[in-house]
PDB file of N, CA and C in Angstrom:
ATOM      1  N   UNK A   1       2.776  -5.726   2.836  1.00  0.00           N
ATOM      2  CA  UNK A   1       2.911  -4.333   3.307  1.00  0.00           C
ATOM      3  C   UNK A   1       1.578  -3.577   3.227  1.00  0.00           C
ATOM      4  N   UNK A   2       1.307  -2.822   4.301  1.00  0.00           N
ATOM      5  CA  UNK A   2       0.167  -1.950   4.304  1.00  0.00           C
ATOM      6  C   UNK A   2       0.579  -0.634   3.667  1.00  0.00           C
ATOM      7  N   UNK A   3      -0.183  -0.147   2.749  1.00  0.00           N
ATOM      8  CA  UNK A   3       0.087   1.081   2.014  1.00  0.00           C
ATOM      9  C   UNK A   3      -1.040   2.087   2.176  1.00  0.00           C
ATOM     10  N   UNK A   4      -0.733   3.248   2.729  1.00  0.00           N
ATOM     11  CA  UNK A   4      -1.755   4.273   2.928  1.00  0.00           C
ATOM     12  C   UNK A   4      -1.478   5.448   1.981  1.00  0.00           C
ATOM     13  N   UNK A   5      -2.449   6.339   1.869  1.00  0.00           N
ATOM     14  CA  UNK A   5      -2.409   7.461   1.007  1.00  0.00           C
ATOM     15  C   UNK A   5      -2.439   7.123  -0.518  1.00  0.00           C
ATOM     16  N   UNK A   6      -3.304   6.193  -0.821  1.00  0.00           N
ATOM     17  CA  UNK A   6      -3.398   5.669  -2.189  1.00  0.00           C
ATOM     18  C   UNK A   6      -4.646   6.435  -2.838  1.00  0.00           C
ATOM     19  N   UNK A   7      -4.451   7.119  -3.942  1.00  0.00           N
ATOM     20  CA  UNK A   7      -5.650   7.786  -4.596  1.00  0.00           C
ATOM     21  C   UNK A   7      -6.753   6.811  -4.841  1.00  0.00           C
ATOM     22  N   UNK A   8      -7.946   7.326  -4.739  1.00  0.00           N
ATOM     23  CA  UNK A   8      -9.187   6.470  -4.901  1.00  0.00           C
ATOM     24  C   UNK A   8      -9.346   5.980  -6.315  1.00  0.00           C
ATOM     25  N   UNK A   9      -8.662   6.600  -7.255  1.00  0.00           N
ATOM     26  CA  UNK A   9      -8.752   6.155  -8.650  1.00  0.00           C
ATOM     27  C   UNK A   9      -7.752   5.108  -9.053  1.00  0.00           C
ATOM     28  N   UNK A  10      -6.829   4.787  -8.168  1.00  0.00           N
ATOM     29  CA  UNK A  10      -5.836   3.768  -8.484  1.00  0.00           C
ATOM     30  C   UNK A  10      -6.324   2.386  -8.050  1.00  0.00           C
ATOM     31  N   UNK A  11      -6.390   1.534  -9.046  1.00  0.00           N
ATOM     32  CA  UNK A  11      -6.869   0.127  -8.851  1.00  0.00           C
ATOM     33  C   UNK A  11      -5.675  -0.830  -8.742  1.00  0.00           C
ATOM     34  N   UNK A  12      -5.992  -2.067  -8.531  1.00  0.00           N
ATOM     35  CA  UNK A  12      -4.935  -3.079  -8.329  1.00  0.00           C
ATOM     36  C   UNK A  12      -3.916  -3.108  -9.466  1.00  0.00           C
ATOM     37  N   UNK A  13      -4.433  -3.059 -10.754  1.00  0.00           N
ATOM     38  CA  UNK A  13      -3.479  -3.082 -11.879  1.00  0.00           C
ATOM     39  C   UNK A  13      -2.539  -1.911 -11.880  1.00  0.00           C
ATOM     40  N   UNK A  14      -3.100  -0.665 -11.610  1.00  0.00           N
ATOM     41  CA  UNK A  14      -2.253   0.466 -11.619  1.00  0.00           C
ATOM     42  C   UNK A  14      -1.178   0.324 -10.488  1.00  0.00           C
ATOM     43  N   UNK A  15      -1.548  -0.152  -9.371  1.00  0.00           N
ATOM     44  CA  UNK A  15      -0.585  -0.326  -8.288  1.00  0.00           C
ATOM     45  C   UNK A  15       0.442  -1.359  -8.565  1.00  0.00           C
ATOM     46  N   UNK A  16       0.016  -2.435  -9.166  1.00  0.00           N
ATOM     47  CA  UNK A  16       0.951  -3.537  -9.468  1.00  0.00           C
ATOM     48  C   UNK A  16       2.041  -3.038 -10.388  1.00  0.00           C
ATOM     49  N   UNK A  17       1.667  -2.209 -11.396  1.00  0.00           N
ATOM     50  CA  UNK A  17       2.714  -1.724 -12.282  1.00  0.00           C
ATOM     51  C   UNK A  17       3.728  -0.907 -11.533  1.00  0.00           C
ATOM     52  N   UNK A  18       3.305  -0.084 -10.576  1.00  0.00           N
ATOM     53  CA  UNK A  18       4.227   0.689  -9.845  1.00  0.00           C
ATOM     54  C   UNK A  18       5.092  -0.147  -8.885  1.00  0.00           C
ATOM     55  N   UNK A  19       4.509  -1.068  -8.164  1.00  0.00           N
ATOM     56  CA  UNK A  19       5.234  -1.866  -7.191  1.00  0.00           C
ATOM     57  C   UNK A  19       6.157  -2.879  -7.848  1.00  0.00           C
ATOM     58  N   UNK A  20       5.782  -3.355  -8.985  1.00  0.00           N
ATOM     59  CA  UNK A  20       6.692  -4.310  -9.670  1.00  0.00           C
ATOM     60  C   UNK A  20       8.083  -3.782 -10.041  1.00  0.00           C
ATOM     61  N   UNK A  21       8.212  -2.428  -9.938  1.00  0.00           N
ATOM     62  CA  UNK A  21       9.524  -1.807 -10.193  1.00  0.00           C
ATOM     63  C   UNK A  21      10.477  -2.322  -9.142  1.00  0.00           C
ATOM     64  N   UNK A  22      10.014  -2.752  -7.955  1.00  0.00           N
ATOM     65  CA  UNK A  22      10.869  -3.180  -6.833  1.00  0.00           C
ATOM     66  C   UNK A  22      11.002  -4.688  -6.707  1.00  0.00           C
ATOM     67  N   UNK A  23      10.198  -5.418  -7.389  1.00  0.00           N
ATOM     68  CA  UNK A  23      10.267  -6.887  -7.399  1.00  0.00           C
ATOM     69  C   UNK A  23       8.901  -7.510  -7.743  1.00  0.00           C
ATOM     70  N   UNK A  24       8.966  -8.855  -7.862  1.00  0.00           N
ATOM     71  CA  UNK A  24       7.664  -9.528  -8.205  1.00  0.00           C
ATOM     72  C   UNK A  24       6.650  -9.380  -7.131  1.00  0.00           C
ATOM     73  N   UNK A  25       5.429  -8.999  -7.555  1.00  0.00           N
ATOM     74  CA  UNK A  25       4.288  -8.792  -6.626  1.00  0.00           C
ATOM     75  C   UNK A  25       3.410 -10.082  -6.651  1.00  0.00           C
ATOM     76  N   UNK A  26       3.148 -10.662  -5.520  1.00  0.00           N
ATOM     77  CA  UNK A  26       2.294 -11.779  -5.419  1.00  0.00           C
ATOM     78  C   UNK A  26       0.811 -11.368  -5.447  1.00  0.00           C
ATOM     79  N   UNK A  27       0.464 -10.351  -4.695  1.00  0.00           N
ATOM     80  CA  UNK A  27      -0.929  -9.971  -4.614  1.00  0.00           C
ATOM     81  C   UNK A  27      -1.110  -8.534  -4.144  1.00  0.00           C
ATOM     82  N   UNK A  28      -2.132  -7.854  -4.635  1.00  0.00           N
ATOM     83  CA  UNK A  28      -2.479  -6.511  -4.217  1.00  0.00           C
ATOM     84  C   UNK A  28      -3.976  -6.515  -3.911  1.00  0.00           C
ATOM     85  N   UNK A  29      -4.350  -6.049  -2.695  1.00  0.00           N
ATOM     86  CA  UNK A  29      -5.738  -5.911  -2.384  1.00  0.00           C
ATOM     87  C   UNK A  29      -6.056  -4.527  -1.928  1.00  0.00           C
ATOM     88  N   UNK A  30      -6.830  -3.804  -2.694  1.00  0.00           N
ATOM     89  CA  UNK A  30      -7.317  -2.481  -2.333  1.00  0.00           C
ATOM     90  C   UNK A  30      -8.407  -2.669  -1.303  1.00  0.00           C
ATOM     91  N   UNK A  31      -8.280  -1.916  -0.191  1.00  0.00           N
ATOM     92  CA  UNK A  31      -9.289  -2.068   0.874  1.00  0.00           C
ATOM     93  C   UNK A  31     -10.547  -1.235   0.381  1.00  0.00           C
ATOM     94  N   UNK A  32     -11.711  -1.853   0.555  1.00  0.00           N
ATOM     95  CA  UNK A  32     -12.955  -1.297   0.102  1.00  0.00           C
ATOM     96  C   UNK A  32     -13.961  -1.328   1.183  1.00  0.00           C
ATOM     97  N   UNK A  33     -14.904  -0.328   1.200  1.00  0.00           N
ATOM     98  CA  UNK A  33     -15.991  -0.344   2.121  1.00  0.00           C
ATOM     99  C   UNK A  33     -16.798  -1.638   1.978  1.00  0.00           C
ATOM    100  N   UNK A  34     -17.138  -2.272   3.042  1.00  0.00           N
ATOM    101  CA  UNK A  34     -17.846  -3.528   3.028  1.00  0.00           C
ATOM    102  C   UNK A  34     -19.218  -3.367   2.379  1.00  0.00           C
ATOM    103  N   UNK A  35     -19.851  -2.290   2.562  1.00  0.00           N
ATOM    104  CA  UNK A  35     -21.217  -2.059   2.117  1.00  0.00           C
ATOM    105  C   UNK A  35     -21.321  -1.398   0.758  1.00  0.00           C
ATOM    106  N   UNK A  36     -20.451  -0.456   0.495  1.00  0.00           N
ATOM    107  CA  UNK A  36     -20.626   0.332  -0.768  1.00  0.00           C
ATOM    108  C   UNK A  36     -19.648  -0.104  -1.803  1.00  0.00           C
ATOM    109  N   UNK A  37     -18.529  -0.788  -1.391  1.00  0.00           N
ATOM    110  CA  UNK A  37     -17.510  -1.219  -2.332  1.00  0.00           C
ATOM    111  C   UNK A  37     -16.544  -0.091  -2.683  1.00  0.00           C
ATOM    112  N   UNK A  38     -16.679   1.058  -2.057  1.00  0.00           N
ATOM    113  CA  UNK A  38     -15.835   2.229  -2.452  1.00  0.00           C
ATOM    114  C   UNK A  38     -14.448   2.016  -1.868  1.00  0.00           C
ATOM    115  N   UNK A  39     -13.472   2.547  -2.674  1.00  0.00           N
ATOM    116  CA  UNK A  39     -12.066   2.517  -2.355  1.00  0.00           C
ATOM    117  C   UNK A  39     -11.801   3.231  -1.063  1.00  0.00           C
ATOM    118  N   UNK A  40     -10.978   2.699  -0.172  1.00  0.00           N
ATOM    119  CA  UNK A  40     -10.778   3.328   1.095  1.00  0.00           C
ATOM    120  C   UNK A  40      -9.393   4.085   1.190  1.00  0.00           C
ATOM    121  N   UNK A  41      -8.661   4.148   0.073  1.00  0.00           N
ATOM    122  CA  UNK A  41      -7.443   4.927   0.047  1.00  0.00           C
ATOM    123  C   UNK A  41      -6.257   4.222   0.584  1.00  0.00           C
ATOM    124  N   UNK A  42      -6.332   2.874   0.631  1.00  0.00           N
ATOM    125  CA  UNK A  42      -5.173   2.115   1.121  1.00  0.00           C
ATOM    126  C   UNK A  42      -5.308   0.677   0.521  1.00  0.00           C
ATOM    127  N   UNK A  43      -4.201   0.000   0.727  1.00  0.00           N
ATOM    128  CA  UNK A  43      -4.127  -1.387   0.138  1.00  0.00           C
ATOM    129  C   UNK A  43      -3.129  -2.223   0.872  1.00  0.00           C
ATOM    130  N   UNK A  44      -3.131  -3.504   0.626  1.00  0.00           N
ATOM    131  CA  UNK A  44      -2.084  -4.422   1.048  1.00  0.00           C
ATOM    132  C   UNK A  44      -1.416  -4.913  -0.166  1.00  0.00           C
ATOM    133  N   UNK A  45      -0.093  -4.936  -0.065  1.00  0.00           N
ATOM    134  CA  UNK A  45       0.801  -5.428  -1.204  1.00  0.00           C
ATOM    135  C   UNK A  45       1.595  -6.568  -0.630  1.00  0.00           C
ATOM    136  N   UNK A  46       1.530  -7.747  -1.296  1.00  0.00           N
ATOM    137  CA  UNK A  46       2.355  -8.848  -0.908  1.00  0.00           C
ATOM    138  C   UNK A  46       3.346  -9.102  -1.963  1.00  0.00           C
ATOM    139  N   UNK A  47       4.664  -9.016  -1.647  1.00  0.00           N
ATOM    140  CA  UNK A  47       5.727  -9.264  -2.519  1.00  0.00           C
ATOM    141  C   UNK A  47       6.184 -10.698  -2.344  1.00  0.00           C
ATOM    142  N   UNK A  48       6.882 -11.246  -3.309  1.00  0.00           N
ATOM    143  CA  UNK A  48       7.425 -12.589  -3.203  1.00  0.00           C
ATOM    144  C   UNK A  48       8.584 -12.587  -2.246  1.00  0.00           C
ATOM    145  N   UNK A  49       9.290 -11.526  -2.167  1.00  0.00           N
ATOM    146  CA  UNK A  49      10.526 -11.487  -1.315  1.00  0.00           C
ATOM    147  C   UNK A  49      10.501 -10.327  -0.312  1.00  0.00           C
ATOM    148  N   UNK A  50      11.096 -10.494   0.780  1.00  0.00           N
ATOM    149  CA  UNK A  50      11.245  -9.473   1.761  1.00  0.00           C
ATOM    150  C   UNK A  50      12.019  -8.335   1.231  1.00  0.00           C
ATOM    151  N   UNK A  51      13.087  -8.703   0.471  1.00  0.00           N
ATOM    152  CA  UNK A  51      14.007  -7.673  -0.110  1.00  0.00           C
ATOM    153  C   UNK A  51      13.225  -6.702  -0.981  1.00  0.00           C
ATOM    154  N   UNK A  52      12.314  -7.197  -1.824  1.00  0.00           N
ATOM    155  CA  UNK A  52      11.452  -6.328  -2.703  1.00  0.00           C
ATOM    156  C   UNK A  52      10.560  -5.422  -1.805  1.00  0.00           C
ATOM    157  N   UNK A  53       9.994  -5.992  -0.778  1.00  0.00           N
ATOM    158  CA  UNK A  53       9.101  -5.179   0.056  1.00  0.00           C
ATOM    159  C   UNK A  53       9.894  -4.069   0.782  1.00  0.00           C
ATOM    160  N   UNK A  54      11.082  -4.379   1.233  1.00  0.00           N
ATOM    161  CA  UNK A  54      11.880  -3.346   1.919  1.00  0.00           C
ATOM    162  C   UNK A  54      12.380  -2.291   0.917  1.00  0.00           C
ATOM    163  N   UNK A  55      12.680  -2.681  -0.332  1.00  0.00           N
ATOM    164  CA  UNK A  55      13.110  -1.748  -1.328  1.00  0.00           C
ATOM    165  C   UNK A  55      11.948  -0.744  -1.680  1.00  0.00           C
ATOM    166  N   UNK A  56      10.734  -1.287  -1.724  1.00  0.00           N
ATOM    167  CA  UNK A  56       9.598  -0.442  -1.994  1.00  0.00           C
ATOM    168  C   UNK A  56       9.357   0.498  -0.833  1.00  0.00           C
ATOM    169  N   UNK A  57       9.445   0.024   0.319  1.00  0.00           N
ATOM    170  CA  UNK A  57       9.255   0.840   1.525  1.00  0.00           C
ATOM    171  C   UNK A  57      10.310   1.931   1.632  1.00  0.00           C
ATOM    172  N   UNK A  58      11.549   1.579   1.350  1.00  0.00           N
ATOM    173  CA  UNK A  58      12.626   2.593   1.411  1.00  0.00           C
ATOM    174  C   UNK A  58      12.486   3.608   0.315  1.00  0.00           C
ATOM    175  N   UNK A  59      11.966   3.298  -0.805  1.00  0.00           N
ATOM    176  CA  UNK A  59      11.834   4.260  -1.892  1.00  0.00           C
ATOM    177  C   UNK A  59      10.547   5.104  -1.828  1.00  0.00           C
ATOM    178  N   UNK A  60       9.532   4.557  -1.113  1.00  0.00           N
ATOM    179  CA  UNK A  60       8.237   5.273  -1.216  1.00  0.00           C
ATOM    180  C   UNK A  60       7.758   5.913   0.164  1.00  0.00           C
ATOM    181  N   UNK A  61       8.032   5.195   1.209  1.00  0.00           N
ATOM    182  CA  UNK A  61       7.470   5.663   2.563  1.00  0.00           C
ATOM    183  C   UNK A  61       7.923   7.038   2.895  1.00  0.00           C
ATOM    184  N   UNK A  62       6.900   7.906   3.074  1.00  0.00           N
ATOM    185  CA  UNK A  62       7.200   9.368   3.435  1.00  0.00           C
ATOM    186  C   UNK A  62       7.951  10.093   2.326  1.00  0.00           C
ATOM    187  N   UNK A  63       8.000   9.560   1.120  1.00  0.00           N
ATOM    188  CA  UNK A  63       8.721  10.179   0.056  1.00  0.00           C
ATOM    189  C   UNK A  63       7.822  10.465  -1.104  1.00  0.00           C
ATOM    190  N   UNK A  64       7.191   9.445  -1.685  1.00  0.00           N
ATOM    191  CA  UNK A  64       6.393   9.650  -2.866  1.00  0.00           C
ATOM    192  C   UNK A  64       5.005  10.173  -2.533  1.00  0.00           C
ATOM    193  N   UNK A  65       4.549  11.208  -3.268  1.00  0.00           N
ATOM    194  CA  UNK A  65       3.228  11.694  -3.123  1.00  0.00           C
ATOM    195  C   UNK A  65       2.505  11.466  -4.479  1.00  0.00           C
ATOM    196  N   UNK A  66       1.431  10.694  -4.410  1.00  0.00           N
ATOM    197  CA  UNK A  66       0.648  10.354  -5.679  1.00  0.00           C
ATOM    198  C   UNK A  66      -0.045  11.639  -6.121  1.00  0.00           C
ATOM    199  N   UNK A  67      -0.196  11.729  -7.418  1.00  0.00           N
ATOM    200  CA  UNK A  67      -0.977  12.903  -8.023  1.00  0.00           C
ATOM    201  C   UNK A  67      -2.352  12.959  -7.339  1.00  0.00           C
ATOM    202  N   UNK A  68      -2.682  14.184  -6.991  1.00  0.00           N
ATOM    203  CA  UNK A  68      -3.989  14.441  -6.347  1.00  0.00           C
ATOM    204  C   UNK A  68      -3.988  14.240  -4.830  1.00  0.00           C
ATOM    205  N   UNK A  69      -2.904  13.802  -4.277  1.00  0.00           N
ATOM    206  CA  UNK A  69      -2.773  13.567  -2.799  1.00  0.00           C
ATOM    207  C   UNK A  69      -1.968  14.728  -2.224  1.00  0.00           C
ATOM    208  N   UNK A  70      -2.183  14.930  -0.912  1.00  0.00           N
ATOM    209  CA  UNK A  70      -1.494  15.957  -0.208  1.00  0.00           C
ATOM    210  C   UNK A  70      -0.400  15.442   0.691  1.00  0.00           C
ATOM    211  N   UNK A  71      -0.451  14.167   1.048  1.00  0.00           N
ATOM    212  CA  UNK A  71       0.539  13.574   1.970  1.00  0.00           C
ATOM    213  C   UNK A  71       1.290  12.429   1.237  1.00  0.00           C
ATOM    214  N   UNK A  72       2.500  12.147   1.704  1.00  0.00           N
ATOM    215  CA  UNK A  72       3.225  11.052   1.069  1.00  0.00           C
ATOM    216  C   UNK A  72       2.688   9.674   1.408  1.00  0.00           C
ATOM    217  N   UNK A  73       3.072   8.675   0.599  1.00  0.00           N
ATOM    218  CA  UNK A  73       2.702   7.312   0.771  1.00  0.00           C
ATOM    219  C   UNK A  73       3.168   6.834   2.155  1.00  0.00           C
ATOM    220  N   UNK A  74       2.415   6.040   2.795  1.00  0.00           N
ATOM    221  CA  UNK A  74       2.768   5.449   4.074  1.00  0.00           C
ATOM    222  C   UNK A  74       2.846   3.955   3.865  1.00  0.00           C
ATOM    223  N   UNK A  75       3.971   3.382   4.136  1.00  0.00           N
ATOM    224  CA  UNK A  75       4.136   1.841   3.979  1.00  0.00           C
ATOM    225  C   UNK A  75       4.765   1.337   5.296  1.00  0.00           C
ATOM    226  N   UNK A  76       4.045   0.304   5.744  1.00  0.00           N
ATOM    227  CA  UNK A  76       4.518  -0.428   6.982  1.00  0.00           C
ATOM    228  C   UNK A  76       4.253  -1.897   6.740  1.00  0.00           C
ATOM    229  N   UNK A  77       5.137  -2.784   7.334  1.00  0.00           N
ATOM    230  CA  UNK A  77       4.842  -4.186   7.312  1.00  0.00           C
ATOM    231  C   UNK A  77       3.479  -4.432   7.862  1.00  0.00           C
ATOM    232  N   UNK A  78       2.678  -5.207   7.186  1.00  0.00           N
ATOM    233  CA  UNK A  78       1.284  -5.434   7.619  1.00  0.00           C
ATOM    234  C   UNK A  78       1.241  -6.100   8.968  1.00  0.00           C
ATOM    235  N   UNK A  79       2.156  -6.956   9.321  1.00  0.00           N
ATOM    236  CA  UNK A  79       2.066  -7.678  10.570  1.00  0.00           C
ATOM    237  C   UNK A  79       2.474  -6.823  11.766  1.00  0.00           C
ATOM    238  N   UNK A  80       3.047  -5.628  11.624  1.00  0.00           N
ATOM    239  CA  UNK A  80       3.552  -4.857  12.661  1.00  0.00           C
ATOM    240  C   UNK A  80       2.403  -4.090  13.438  1.00  0.00           C
ATOM    241  N   UNK A  81       1.292  -3.955  12.875  1.00  0.00           N
ATOM    242  CA  UNK A  81       0.249  -3.292  13.573  1.00  0.00           C
ATOM    243  C   UNK A  81      -1.135  -3.713  13.185  1.00  0.00           C
ATOM    244  N   UNK A  82      -1.245  -4.834  12.448  1.00  0.00           N
ATOM    245  CA  UNK A  82      -2.551  -5.233  11.973  1.00  0.00           C
ATOM    246  C   UNK A  82      -3.080  -6.338  12.824  1.00  0.00           C
ATOM    247  N   UNK A  83      -2.822  -6.242  14.134  1.00  0.00           N
ATOM    248  CA  UNK A  83      -3.314  -7.257  15.058  1.00  0.00           C
ATOM    249  C   UNK A  83      -4.606  -6.803  15.614  1.00  0.00           C
ATOM    250  N   UNK A  84      -5.493  -7.736  15.979  1.00  0.00           N
ATOM    251  CA  UNK A  84      -6.759  -7.412  16.614  1.00  0.00           C
ATOM    252  C   UNK A  84      -7.634  -6.538  15.722  1.00  0.00           C
ATOM    253  N   UNK A  85      -7.438  -6.573  14.345  1.00  0.00           N
ATOM    254  CA  UNK A  85      -8.286  -5.869  13.455  1.00  0.00           C
ATOM    255  C   UNK A  85      -7.937  -4.364  13.358  1.00  0.00           C
ATOM    256  N   UNK A  86      -6.845  -3.951  13.977  1.00  0.00           N
ATOM    257  CA  UNK A  86      -6.437  -2.546  13.923  1.00  0.00           C
ATOM    258  C   UNK A  86      -5.390  -2.244  12.864  1.00  0.00           C
ATOM    259  N   UNK A  87      -5.536  -1.181  12.121  1.00  0.00           N
ATOM    260  CA  UNK A  87      -4.603  -0.880  11.175  1.00  0.00           C
ATOM    261  C   UNK A  87      -3.420  -0.212  11.821  1.00  0.00           C
ATOM    262  N   UNK A  88      -2.201  -0.248  11.170  1.00  0.00           N
ATOM    263  CA  UNK A  88      -1.005   0.289  11.793  1.00  0.00           C
ATOM    264  C   UNK A  88      -1.091   1.813  11.923  1.00  0.00           C
ATOM    265  N   UNK A  89      -0.461   2.352  12.925  1.00  0.00           N
ATOM    266  CA  UNK A  89      -0.366   3.807  13.141  1.00  0.00           C
ATOM    267  C   UNK A  89       0.914   4.310  12.515  1.00  0.00           C
ATOM    268  N   UNK A  90       0.865   5.529  12.069  1.00  0.00           N
ATOM    269  CA  UNK A  90       2.045   6.094  11.417  1.00  0.00           C
ATOM    270  C   UNK A  90       2.501   7.280  12.203  1.00  0.00           C
ATOM    271  N   UNK A  91       3.796   7.577  11.996  1.00  0.00           N
ATOM    272  CA  UNK A  91       4.408   8.702  12.707  1.00  0.00           C
ATOM    273  C   UNK A  91       3.818  10.011  12.314  1.00  0.00           C
TER     274      UNK A  91
END
């Protein structure tokens, strides 16, 4: 799952704790600037099951707003718009 609107102070371990509420998490990758290493405010989360991914999306997408953020979390399946190096577009 692609996750947008992630605070820059949330790292992989912080996100793992939150996402594991919905099921086992295989991997979390915070996107970082290639040159500076700075957090880009989004990540990819890979769950072991589709069911867990959908549960997280249903509970968080356009609903949860992280502390310090002004817009709700955006969650989309990574393969739905991550073709040709482009990130998914949101409503």
